[in-house]
Amino acid sequence: MEEGHPQNCQGIEGGGCRYPWKGGTAKCVREKTVALPFAEQCLRPRCRKEVYARGLCDSDYQVAHRLVADGIVTWEQLEKSGRAAERKRNAKEWFLGVIA
């Protein structure tokens, strides 16, 4: 069992433990698996990690970033296909947006 995990956990409906890896978006609490509130999940299907950037978790973002850097695909293509979210403005752009 992982640290801090109840030894008698049977997961949901006794189907076994569903305690996620470090950084997951759910946690085992008294034999139940509950989603953490307000945690955005990665856009990639079956990925339960928390969003890092552009709607993707850290590892999926790195894959997408490498594909874009290698010229295989563009961020616009990924956005149109629903495989990435729009880039959010950084703090400098947000503050300067008031002037423009």
PDB file of N, CA and C in Angstrom:
ATOM      1  N   MET A   1       0.833  -1.202   0.000  1.00  0.00           N
ATOM      2  CA  MET A   1       0.000   0.000   0.000  1.00  0.00           C
ATOM      3  C   MET A   1       0.868   1.252   0.000  1.00  0.00           C
ATOM      4  N   GLU A   2       0.357   2.312  -0.625  1.00  0.00           N
ATOM      5  CA  GLU A   2       1.093   3.560  -0.644  1.00  0.00           C
ATOM      6  C   GLU A   2       0.941   4.285   0.684  1.00  0.00           C
ATOM      7  N   GLU A   3       1.850   5.194   0.945  1.00  0.00           N
ATOM      8  CA  GLU A   3       1.846   5.948   2.184  1.00  0.00           C
ATOM      9  C   GLU A   3       0.557   6.741   2.312  1.00  0.00           C
ATOM     10  N   GLY A   4      -0.062   6.685   3.499  1.00  0.00           N
ATOM     11  CA  GLY A   4      -1.278   7.428   3.756  1.00  0.00           C
ATOM     12  C   GLY A   4      -2.531   6.772   3.208  1.00  0.00           C
ATOM     13  N   HIS A   5      -2.403   5.575   2.668  1.00  0.00           N
ATOM     14  CA  HIS A   5      -3.536   4.885   2.072  1.00  0.00           C
ATOM     15  C   HIS A   5      -4.112   3.898   3.081  1.00  0.00           C
ATOM     16  N   PRO A   6      -5.428   3.890   3.284  1.00  0.00           N
ATOM     17  CA  PRO A   6      -6.007   2.968   4.256  1.00  0.00           C
ATOM     18  C   PRO A   6      -5.795   1.510   3.853  1.00  0.00           C
ATOM     19  N   GLN A   7      -5.373   0.691   4.801  1.00  0.00           N
ATOM     20  CA  GLN A   7      -5.092  -0.710   4.507  1.00  0.00           C
ATOM     21  C   GLN A   7      -6.347  -1.492   4.132  1.00  0.00           C
ATOM     22  N   ASN A   8      -7.487  -1.112   4.660  1.00  0.00           N
ATOM     23  CA  ASN A   8      -8.708  -1.873   4.425  1.00  0.00           C
ATOM     24  C   ASN A   8      -9.516  -1.378   3.223  1.00  0.00           C
ATOM     25  N   CYS A   9      -8.909  -0.561   2.375  1.00  0.00           N
ATOM     26  CA  CYS A   9      -9.638  -0.017   1.245  1.00  0.00           C
ATOM     27  C   CYS A   9      -9.994  -1.109   0.246  1.00  0.00           C
ATOM     28  N   GLN A  10     -11.229  -1.128  -0.168  1.00  0.00           N
ATOM     29  CA  GLN A  10     -11.686  -2.076  -1.175  1.00  0.00           C
ATOM     30  C   GLN A  10     -12.097  -1.354  -2.453  1.00  0.00           C
ATOM     31  N   GLY A  11     -11.853  -0.036  -2.516  1.00  0.00           N
ATOM     32  CA  GLY A  11     -12.235   0.718  -3.706  1.00  0.00           C
ATOM     33  C   GLY A  11     -13.752   0.828  -3.828  1.00  0.00           C
ATOM     34  N   ILE A  12     -14.207   1.284  -4.936  1.00  0.00           N
ATOM     35  CA  ILE A  12     -15.643   1.437  -5.160  1.00  0.00           C
ATOM     36  C   ILE A  12     -16.267   0.064  -5.319  1.00  0.00           C
ATOM     37  N   GLU A  13     -17.330  -0.200  -4.575  1.00  0.00           N
ATOM     38  CA  GLU A  13     -18.109  -1.445  -4.655  1.00  0.00           C
ATOM     39  C   GLU A  13     -17.241  -2.685  -4.477  1.00  0.00           C
ATOM     40  N   GLY A  14     -16.196  -2.567  -3.664  1.00  0.00           N
ATOM     41  CA  GLY A  14     -15.359  -3.719  -3.353  1.00  0.00           C
ATOM     42  C   GLY A  14     -14.551  -4.246  -4.522  1.00  0.00           C
ATOM     43  N   GLY A  15     -14.434  -3.467  -5.600  1.00  0.00           N
ATOM     44  CA  GLY A  15     -13.744  -3.932  -6.794  1.00  0.00           C
ATOM     45  C   GLY A  15     -12.243  -3.756  -6.751  1.00  0.00           C
ATOM     46  N   GLY A  16     -11.702  -3.482  -5.594  1.00  0.00           N
ATOM     47  CA  GLY A  16     -10.256  -3.303  -5.494  1.00  0.00           C
ATOM     48  C   GLY A  16      -9.895  -1.841  -5.364  1.00  0.00           C
ATOM     49  N   CYS A  17      -8.684  -1.610  -4.984  1.00  0.00           N
ATOM     50  CA  CYS A  17      -8.207  -0.260  -4.728  1.00  0.00           C
ATOM     51  C   CYS A  17      -8.085   0.538  -6.024  1.00  0.00           C
ATOM     52  N   ARG A  18      -8.519   1.759  -5.983  1.00  0.00           N
ATOM     53  CA  ARG A  18      -8.398   2.641  -7.138  1.00  0.00           C
ATOM     54  C   ARG A  18      -7.597   3.886  -6.768  1.00  0.00           C
ATOM     55  N   TYR A  19      -6.696   3.734  -5.859  1.00  0.00           N
ATOM     56  CA  TYR A  19      -5.892   4.862  -5.407  1.00  0.00           C
ATOM     57  C   TYR A  19      -4.963   5.284  -6.525  1.00  0.00           C
ATOM     58  N   PRO A  20      -5.031   6.539  -6.994  1.00  0.00           N
ATOM     59  CA  PRO A  20      -4.242   6.970  -8.151  1.00  0.00           C
ATOM     60  C   PRO A  20      -2.775   7.235  -7.806  1.00  0.00           C
ATOM     61  N   TRP A  21      -1.985   7.397  -8.842  1.00  0.00           N
ATOM     62  CA  TRP A  21      -0.590   7.737  -8.694  1.00  0.00           C
ATOM     63  C   TRP A  21      -0.453   9.146  -8.139  1.00  0.00           C
ATOM     64  N   LYS A  22       0.727   9.489  -7.712  1.00  0.00           N
ATOM     65  CA  LYS A  22       0.992  10.830  -7.192  1.00  0.00           C
ATOM     66  C   LYS A  22       0.620  11.871  -8.246  1.00  0.00           C
ATOM     67  N   GLY A  23      -0.152  12.860  -7.861  1.00  0.00           N
ATOM     68  CA  GLY A  23      -0.548  13.914  -8.785  1.00  0.00           C
ATOM     69  C   GLY A  23      -1.854  13.622  -9.492  1.00  0.00           C
ATOM     70  N   GLY A  24      -2.527  12.518  -9.141  1.00  0.00           N
ATOM     71  CA  GLY A  24      -3.800  12.196  -9.767  1.00  0.00           C
ATOM     72  C   GLY A  24      -4.892  13.157  -9.329  1.00  0.00           C
ATOM     73  N   THR A  25      -6.075  13.016  -9.876  1.00  0.00           N
ATOM     74  CA  THR A  25      -7.151  13.953  -9.554  1.00  0.00           C
ATOM     75  C   THR A  25      -8.234  13.298  -8.712  1.00  0.00           C
ATOM     76  N   ALA A  26      -7.924  12.210  -8.063  1.00  0.00           N
ATOM     77  CA  ALA A  26      -8.868  11.569  -7.149  1.00  0.00           C
ATOM     78  C   ALA A  26      -8.072  11.044  -5.964  1.00  0.00           C
ATOM     79  N   LYS A  27      -8.770  10.778  -4.881  1.00  0.00           N
ATOM     80  CA  LYS A  27      -8.082  10.220  -3.728  1.00  0.00           C
ATOM     81  C   LYS A  27      -9.000   9.252  -3.006  1.00  0.00           C
ATOM     82  N   CYS A  28      -8.412   8.282  -2.350  1.00  0.00           N
ATOM     83  CA  CYS A  28      -9.173   7.281  -1.616  1.00  0.00           C
ATOM     84  C   CYS A  28      -9.505   7.854  -0.246  1.00  0.00           C
ATOM     85  N   VAL A  29     -10.769   7.873   0.093  1.00  0.00           N
ATOM     86  CA  VAL A  29     -11.184   8.381   1.389  1.00  0.00           C
ATOM     87  C   VAL A  29     -12.177   7.390   1.980  1.00  0.00           C
ATOM     88  N   ARG A  30     -11.751   6.690   3.010  1.00  0.00           N
ATOM     89  CA  ARG A  30     -12.616   5.730   3.697  1.00  0.00           C
ATOM     90  C   ARG A  30     -13.350   4.800   2.732  1.00  0.00           C
ATOM     91  N   GLU A  31     -12.589   4.127   1.931  1.00  0.00           N
ATOM     92  CA  GLU A  31     -13.081   3.108   1.021  1.00  0.00           C
ATOM     93  C   GLU A  31     -13.912   3.649  -0.138  1.00  0.00           C
ATOM     94  N   LYS A  32     -13.798   4.928  -0.457  1.00  0.00           N
ATOM     95  CA  LYS A  32     -14.496   5.507  -1.598  1.00  0.00           C
ATOM     96  C   LYS A  32     -13.490   6.296  -2.428  1.00  0.00           C
ATOM     97  N   THR A  33     -13.693   6.353  -3.712  1.00  0.00           N
ATOM     98  CA  THR A  33     -12.862   7.179  -4.570  1.00  0.00           C
ATOM     99  C   THR A  33     -13.697   8.384  -4.963  1.00  0.00           C
ATOM    100  N   VAL A  34     -13.192   9.559  -4.648  1.00  0.00           N
ATOM    101  CA  VAL A  34     -13.929  10.774  -4.948  1.00  0.00           C
ATOM    102  C   VAL A  34     -13.058  11.700  -5.778  1.00  0.00           C
ATOM    103  N   ALA A  35     -13.671  12.406  -6.722  1.00  0.00           N
ATOM    104  CA  ALA A  35     -12.934  13.369  -7.534  1.00  0.00           C
ATOM    105  C   ALA A  35     -12.679  14.616  -6.704  1.00  0.00           C
ATOM    106  N   LEU A  36     -11.501  15.188  -6.843  1.00  0.00           N
ATOM    107  CA  LEU A  36     -11.204  16.435  -6.164  1.00  0.00           C
ATOM    108  C   LEU A  36     -11.933  17.567  -6.883  1.00  0.00           C
ATOM    109  N   PRO A  37     -12.546  18.484  -6.146  1.00  0.00           N
ATOM    110  CA  PRO A  37     -13.287  19.566  -6.802  1.00  0.00           C
ATOM    111  C   PRO A  37     -12.366  20.528  -7.534  1.00  0.00           C
ATOM    112  N   PHE A  38     -12.840  21.055  -8.618  1.00  0.00           N
ATOM    113  CA  PHE A  38     -12.199  22.094  -9.411  1.00  0.00           C
ATOM    114  C   PHE A  38     -10.889  21.667 -10.085  1.00  0.00           C
ATOM    115  N   ALA A  39     -10.567  20.411 -10.097  1.00  0.00           N
ATOM    116  CA  ALA A  39      -9.336  19.964 -10.753  1.00  0.00           C
ATOM    117  C   ALA A  39      -9.635  19.707 -12.229  1.00  0.00           C
ATOM    118  N   GLU A  40      -9.026  20.491 -13.097  1.00  0.00           N
ATOM    119  CA  GLU A  40      -9.191  20.274 -14.529  1.00  0.00           C
ATOM    120  C   GLU A  40      -8.395  19.056 -14.935  1.00  0.00           C
ATOM    121  N   GLN A  41      -8.989  18.209 -15.759  1.00  0.00           N
ATOM    122  CA  GLN A  41      -8.296  17.022 -16.217  1.00  0.00           C
ATOM    123  C   GLN A  41      -7.800  17.212 -17.640  1.00  0.00           C
ATOM    124  N   CYS A  42      -6.762  16.498 -17.973  1.00  0.00           N
ATOM    125  CA  CYS A  42      -6.136  16.531 -19.292  1.00  0.00           C
ATOM    126  C   CYS A  42      -7.157  16.194 -20.381  1.00  0.00           C
ATOM    127  N   LEU A  43      -7.010  16.821 -21.541  1.00  0.00           N
ATOM    128  CA  LEU A  43      -7.913  16.585 -22.667  1.00  0.00           C
ATOM    129  C   LEU A  43      -7.772  15.193 -23.284  1.00  0.00           C
ATOM    130  N   ARG A  44      -6.595  14.585 -23.132  1.00  0.00           N
ATOM    131  CA  ARG A  44      -6.384  13.272 -23.743  1.00  0.00           C
ATOM    132  C   ARG A  44      -7.264  12.240 -23.060  1.00  0.00           C
ATOM    133  N   PRO A  45      -8.026  11.473 -23.834  1.00  0.00           N
ATOM    134  CA  PRO A  45      -8.911  10.461 -23.242  1.00  0.00           C
ATOM    135  C   PRO A  45      -8.141   9.495 -22.346  1.00  0.00           C
ATOM    136  N   ARG A  46      -8.760   9.108 -21.258  1.00  0.00           N
ATOM    137  CA  ARG A  46      -8.234   8.181 -20.265  1.00  0.00           C
ATOM    138  C   ARG A  46      -7.047   8.714 -19.476  1.00  0.00           C
ATOM    139  N   CYS A  47      -6.683   9.963 -19.676  1.00  0.00           N
ATOM    140  CA  CYS A  47      -5.632  10.577 -18.871  1.00  0.00           C
ATOM    141  C   CYS A  47      -6.323  11.304 -17.719  1.00  0.00           C
ATOM    142  N   ARG A  48      -5.964  10.960 -16.504  1.00  0.00           N
ATOM    143  CA  ARG A  48      -6.627  11.544 -15.339  1.00  0.00           C
ATOM    144  C   ARG A  48      -5.743  12.551 -14.618  1.00  0.00           C
ATOM    145  N   LYS A  49      -4.669  12.961 -15.254  1.00  0.00           N
ATOM    146  CA  LYS A  49      -3.755  13.909 -14.618  1.00  0.00           C
ATOM    147  C   LYS A  49      -4.315  15.323 -14.689  1.00  0.00           C
ATOM    148  N   GLU A  50      -3.805  16.163 -13.824  1.00  0.00           N
ATOM    149  CA  GLU A  50      -4.217  17.561 -13.747  1.00  0.00           C
ATOM    150  C   GLU A  50      -3.609  18.363 -14.895  1.00  0.00           C
ATOM    151  N   VAL A  51      -4.330  19.373 -15.347  1.00  0.00           N
ATOM    152  CA  VAL A  51      -3.897  20.202 -16.469  1.00  0.00           C
ATOM    153  C   VAL A  51      -2.667  21.018 -16.099  1.00  0.00           C
ATOM    154  N   TYR A  52      -1.714  21.056 -17.011  1.00  0.00           N
ATOM    155  CA  TYR A  52      -0.489  21.847 -16.860  1.00  0.00           C
ATOM    156  C   TYR A  52      -0.574  23.086 -17.750  1.00  0.00           C
ATOM    157  N   ALA A  53      -0.844  22.896 -19.045  1.00  0.00           N
ATOM    158  CA  ALA A  53      -0.947  24.008 -19.994  1.00  0.00           C
ATOM    159  C   ALA A  53      -1.742  23.549 -21.209  1.00  0.00           C
ATOM    160  N   ARG A  54      -2.460  24.492 -21.813  1.00  0.00           N
ATOM    161  CA  ARG A  54      -3.230  24.226 -23.035  1.00  0.00           C
ATOM    162  C   ARG A  54      -4.171  23.035 -22.902  1.00  0.00           C
ATOM    163  N   GLY A  55      -4.685  22.807 -21.704  1.00  0.00           N
ATOM    164  CA  GLY A  55      -5.622  21.720 -21.479  1.00  0.00           C
ATOM    165  C   GLY A  55      -4.982  20.350 -21.396  1.00  0.00           C
ATOM    166  N   LEU A  56      -3.666  20.286 -21.356  1.00  0.00           N
ATOM    167  CA  LEU A  56      -2.944  19.020 -21.324  1.00  0.00           C
ATOM    168  C   LEU A  56      -2.137  18.890 -20.036  1.00  0.00           C
ATOM    169  N   CYS A  57      -1.932  17.658 -19.607  1.00  0.00           N
ATOM    170  CA  CYS A  57      -1.065  17.416 -18.452  1.00  0.00           C
ATOM    171  C   CYS A  57       0.382  17.676 -18.883  1.00  0.00           C
ATOM    172  N   ASP A  58       1.279  17.669 -17.929  1.00  0.00           N
ATOM    173  CA  ASP A  58       2.678  17.989 -18.213  1.00  0.00           C
ATOM    174  C   ASP A  58       3.274  17.066 -19.278  1.00  0.00           C
ATOM    175  N   SER A  59       3.093  15.760 -19.129  1.00  0.00           N
ATOM    176  CA  SER A  59       3.723  14.832 -20.082  1.00  0.00           C
ATOM    177  C   SER A  59       3.095  14.934 -21.474  1.00  0.00           C
ATOM    178  N   ASP A  60       1.773  15.093 -21.564  1.00  0.00           N
ATOM    179  CA  ASP A  60       1.132  15.226 -22.878  1.00  0.00           C
ATOM    180  C   ASP A  60       1.473  16.568 -23.527  1.00  0.00           C
ATOM    181  N   TYR A  61       1.615  17.611 -22.702  1.00  0.00           N
ATOM    182  CA  TYR A  61       2.024  18.902 -23.235  1.00  0.00           C
ATOM    183  C   TYR A  61       3.418  18.809 -23.849  1.00  0.00           C
ATOM    184  N   GLN A  62       4.320  18.088 -23.181  1.00  0.00           N
ATOM    185  CA  GLN A  62       5.684  17.941 -23.701  1.00  0.00           C
ATOM    186  C   GLN A  62       5.685  17.222 -25.050  1.00  0.00           C
ATOM    187  N   VAL A  63       4.822  16.212 -25.202  1.00  0.00           N
ATOM    188  CA  VAL A  63       4.710  15.507 -26.485  1.00  0.00           C
ATOM    189  C   VAL A  63       4.211  16.473 -27.566  1.00  0.00           C
ATOM    190  N   ALA A  64       3.151  17.219 -27.260  1.00  0.00           N
ATOM    191  CA  ALA A  64       2.598  18.170 -28.226  1.00  0.00           C
ATOM    192  C   ALA A  64       3.617  19.252 -28.568  1.00  0.00           C
ATOM    193  N   HIS A  65       4.313  19.754 -27.566  1.00  0.00           N
ATOM    194  CA  HIS A  65       5.316  20.797 -27.773  1.00  0.00           C
ATOM    195  C   HIS A  65       6.427  20.305 -28.708  1.00  0.00           C
ATOM    196  N   ARG A  66       6.849  19.060 -28.514  1.00  0.00           N
ATOM    197  CA  ARG A  66       7.897  18.488 -29.371  1.00  0.00           C
ATOM    198  C   ARG A  66       7.401  18.349 -30.809  1.00  0.00           C
ATOM    199  N   LEU A  67       6.152  17.923 -30.994  1.00  0.00           N
ATOM    200  CA  LEU A  67       5.590  17.804 -32.345  1.00  0.00           C
ATOM    201  C   LEU A  67       5.538  19.159 -33.040  1.00  0.00           C
ATOM    202  N   VAL A  68       5.177  20.200 -32.285  1.00  0.00           N
ATOM    203  CA  VAL A  68       5.126  21.552 -32.846  1.00  0.00           C
ATOM    204  C   VAL A  68       6.540  22.040 -33.147  1.00  0.00           C
ATOM    205  N   ALA A  69       7.470  21.824 -32.232  1.00  0.00           N
ATOM    206  CA  ALA A  69       8.853  22.263 -32.433  1.00  0.00           C
ATOM    207  C   ALA A  69       9.499  21.573 -33.629  1.00  0.00           C
ATOM    208  N   ASP A  70       9.132  20.330 -33.869  1.00  0.00           N
ATOM    209  CA  ASP A  70       9.670  19.575 -35.000  1.00  0.00           C
ATOM    210  C   ASP A  70       8.964  19.909 -36.312  1.00  0.00           C
ATOM    211  N   GLY A  71       7.936  20.759 -36.266  1.00  0.00           N
ATOM    212  CA  GLY A  71       7.237  21.167 -37.477  1.00  0.00           C
ATOM    213  C   GLY A  71       6.261  20.134 -38.026  1.00  0.00           C
ATOM    214  N   ILE A  72       5.924  19.128 -37.236  1.00  0.00           N
ATOM    215  CA  ILE A  72       5.002  18.081 -37.676  1.00  0.00           C
ATOM    216  C   ILE A  72       3.564  18.576 -37.648  1.00  0.00           C
ATOM    217  N   VAL A  73       3.240  19.425 -36.690  1.00  0.00           N
ATOM    218  CA  VAL A  73       1.888  19.952 -36.517  1.00  0.00           C
ATOM    219  C   VAL A  73       1.997  21.354 -35.921  1.00  0.00           C
ATOM    220  N   THR A  74       0.945  22.151 -36.018  1.00  0.00           N
ATOM    221  CA  THR A  74       0.933  23.483 -35.407  1.00  0.00           C
ATOM    222  C   THR A  74      -0.034  23.499 -34.228  1.00  0.00           C
ATOM    223  N   TRP A  75       0.150  24.482 -33.352  1.00  0.00           N
ATOM    224  CA  TRP A  75      -0.784  24.617 -32.229  1.00  0.00           C
ATOM    225  C   TRP A  75      -2.191  24.884 -32.742  1.00  0.00           C
ATOM    226  N   GLU A  76      -2.319  25.642 -33.835  1.00  0.00           N
ATOM    227  CA  GLU A  76      -3.636  25.935 -34.402  1.00  0.00           C
ATOM    228  C   GLU A  76      -4.333  24.652 -34.850  1.00  0.00           C
ATOM    229  N   GLN A  77      -3.581  23.737 -35.459  1.00  0.00           N
ATOM    230  CA  GLN A  77      -4.158  22.462 -35.889  1.00  0.00           C
ATOM    231  C   GLN A  77      -4.610  21.644 -34.676  1.00  0.00           C
ATOM    232  N   LEU A  78      -3.798  21.640 -33.637  1.00  0.00           N
ATOM    233  CA  LEU A  78      -4.166  20.910 -32.427  1.00  0.00           C
ATOM    234  C   LEU A  78      -5.397  21.513 -31.766  1.00  0.00           C
ATOM    235  N   GLU A  79      -5.495  22.846 -31.759  1.00  0.00           N
ATOM    236  CA  GLU A  79      -6.662  23.521 -31.188  1.00  0.00           C
ATOM    237  C   GLU A  79      -7.919  23.194 -31.974  1.00  0.00           C
ATOM    238  N   LYS A  80      -7.844  23.280 -33.310  1.00  0.00           N
ATOM    239  CA  LYS A  80      -9.011  23.013 -34.155  1.00  0.00           C
ATOM    240  C   LYS A  80      -9.504  21.581 -34.017  1.00  0.00           C
ATOM    241  N   SER A  81      -8.584  20.641 -33.797  1.00  0.00           N
ATOM    242  CA  SER A  81      -8.962  19.237 -33.667  1.00  0.00           C
ATOM    243  C   SER A  81      -9.390  18.877 -32.244  1.00  0.00           C
ATOM    244  N   GLY A  82      -9.302  19.838 -31.327  1.00  0.00           N
ATOM    245  CA  GLY A  82      -9.702  19.591 -29.942  1.00  0.00           C
ATOM    246  C   GLY A  82      -8.654  18.871 -29.115  1.00  0.00           C
ATOM    247  N   ARG A  83      -7.438  18.795 -29.618  1.00  0.00           N
ATOM    248  CA  ARG A  83      -6.373  18.105 -28.906  1.00  0.00           C
ATOM    249  C   ARG A  83      -5.536  19.043 -28.029  1.00  0.00           C
ATOM    250  N   ALA A  84      -5.841  20.326 -28.076  1.00  0.00           N
ATOM    251  CA  ALA A  84      -5.186  21.314 -27.212  1.00  0.00           C
ATOM    252  C   ALA A  84      -6.116  22.512 -27.071  1.00  0.00           C
ATOM    253  N   ALA A  85      -6.003  23.187 -25.946  1.00  0.00           N
ATOM    254  CA  ALA A  85      -6.792  24.397 -25.716  1.00  0.00           C
ATOM    255  C   ALA A  85      -5.990  25.620 -26.161  1.00  0.00           C
ATOM    256  N   GLU A  86      -6.672  26.749 -26.273  1.00  0.00           N
ATOM    257  CA  GLU A  86      -5.972  27.981 -26.636  1.00  0.00           C
ATOM    258  C   GLU A  86      -4.969  28.349 -25.559  1.00  0.00           C
ATOM    259  N   ARG A  87      -3.901  29.008 -25.980  1.00  0.00           N
ATOM    260  CA  ARG A  87      -2.894  29.485 -25.039  1.00  0.00           C
ATOM    261  C   ARG A  87      -3.479  30.637 -24.225  1.00  0.00           C
ATOM    262  N   LYS A  88      -3.273  30.581 -22.933  1.00  0.00           N
ATOM    263  CA  LYS A  88      -3.722  31.674 -22.071  1.00  0.00           C
ATOM    264  C   LYS A  88      -2.663  32.762 -22.074  1.00  0.00           C
ATOM    265  N   ARG A  89      -3.106  33.995 -21.980  1.00  0.00           N
ATOM    266  CA  ARG A  89      -2.142  35.096 -21.927  1.00  0.00           C
ATOM    267  C   ARG A  89      -1.357  35.036 -20.633  1.00  0.00           C
ATOM    268  N   ASN A  90      -0.070  35.343 -20.708  1.00  0.00           N
ATOM    269  CA  ASN A  90       0.714  35.384 -19.480  1.00  0.00           C
ATOM    270  C   ASN A  90       0.462  36.717 -18.774  1.00  0.00           C
ATOM    271  N   ALA A  91       1.019  36.883 -17.601  1.00  0.00           N
ATOM    272  CA  ALA A  91       0.755  38.072 -16.790  1.00  0.00           C
ATOM    273  C   ALA A  91       1.153  39.358 -17.514  1.00  0.00           C
ATOM    274  N   LYS A  92       2.300  39.361 -18.187  1.00  0.00           N
ATOM    275  CA  LYS A  92       2.746  40.561 -18.887  1.00  0.00           C
ATOM    276  C   LYS A  92       1.758  40.936 -19.985  1.00  0.00           C
ATOM    277  N   GLU A  93       1.341  39.964 -20.779  1.00  0.00           N
ATOM    278  CA  GLU A  93       0.367  40.234 -21.847  1.00  0.00           C
ATOM    279  C   GLU A  93      -0.963  40.713 -21.268  1.00  0.00           C
ATOM    280  N   TRP A  94      -1.368  40.137 -20.133  1.00  0.00           N
ATOM    281  CA  TRP A  94      -2.626  40.528 -19.513  1.00  0.00           C
ATOM    282  C   TRP A  94      -2.576  41.983 -19.052  1.00  0.00           C
ATOM    283  N   PHE A  95      -1.479  42.366 -18.391  1.00  0.00           N
ATOM    284  CA  PHE A  95      -1.348  43.740 -17.915  1.00  0.00           C
ATOM    285  C   PHE A  95      -1.255  44.716 -19.070  1.00  0.00           C
ATOM    286  N   LEU A  96      -0.500  44.386 -20.105  1.00  0.00           N
ATOM    287  CA  LEU A  96      -0.351  45.273 -21.246  1.00  0.00           C
ATOM    288  C   LEU A  96      -1.614  45.329 -22.098  1.00  0.00           C
ATOM    289  N   GLY A  97      -2.480  44.330 -21.973  1.00  0.00           N
ATOM    290  CA  GLY A  97      -3.762  44.331 -22.696  1.00  0.00           C
ATOM    291  C   GLY A  97      -4.660  45.482 -22.270  1.00  0.00           C
ATOM    292  N   VAL A  98      -4.441  46.004 -21.074  1.00  0.00           N
ATOM    293  CA  VAL A  98      -5.215  47.133 -20.585  1.00  0.00           C
ATOM    294  C   VAL A  98      -4.895  48.383 -21.393  1.00  0.00           C
ATOM    295  N   ILE A  99      -3.631  48.513 -21.817  1.00  0.00           N
ATOM    296  CA  ILE A  99      -3.166  49.681 -22.556  1.00  0.00           C
ATOM    297  C   ILE A  99      -3.626  49.627 -23.998  1.00  0.00           C
ATOM    298  N   ALA A 100      -3.551  48.463 -24.608  1.00  0.00           N
ATOM    299  CA  ALA A 100      -3.844  48.319 -26.046  1.00  0.00           C
ATOM    300  C   ALA A 100      -5.297  48.481 -26.356  1.00  0.00           C
TER     301      ALA A 100
END
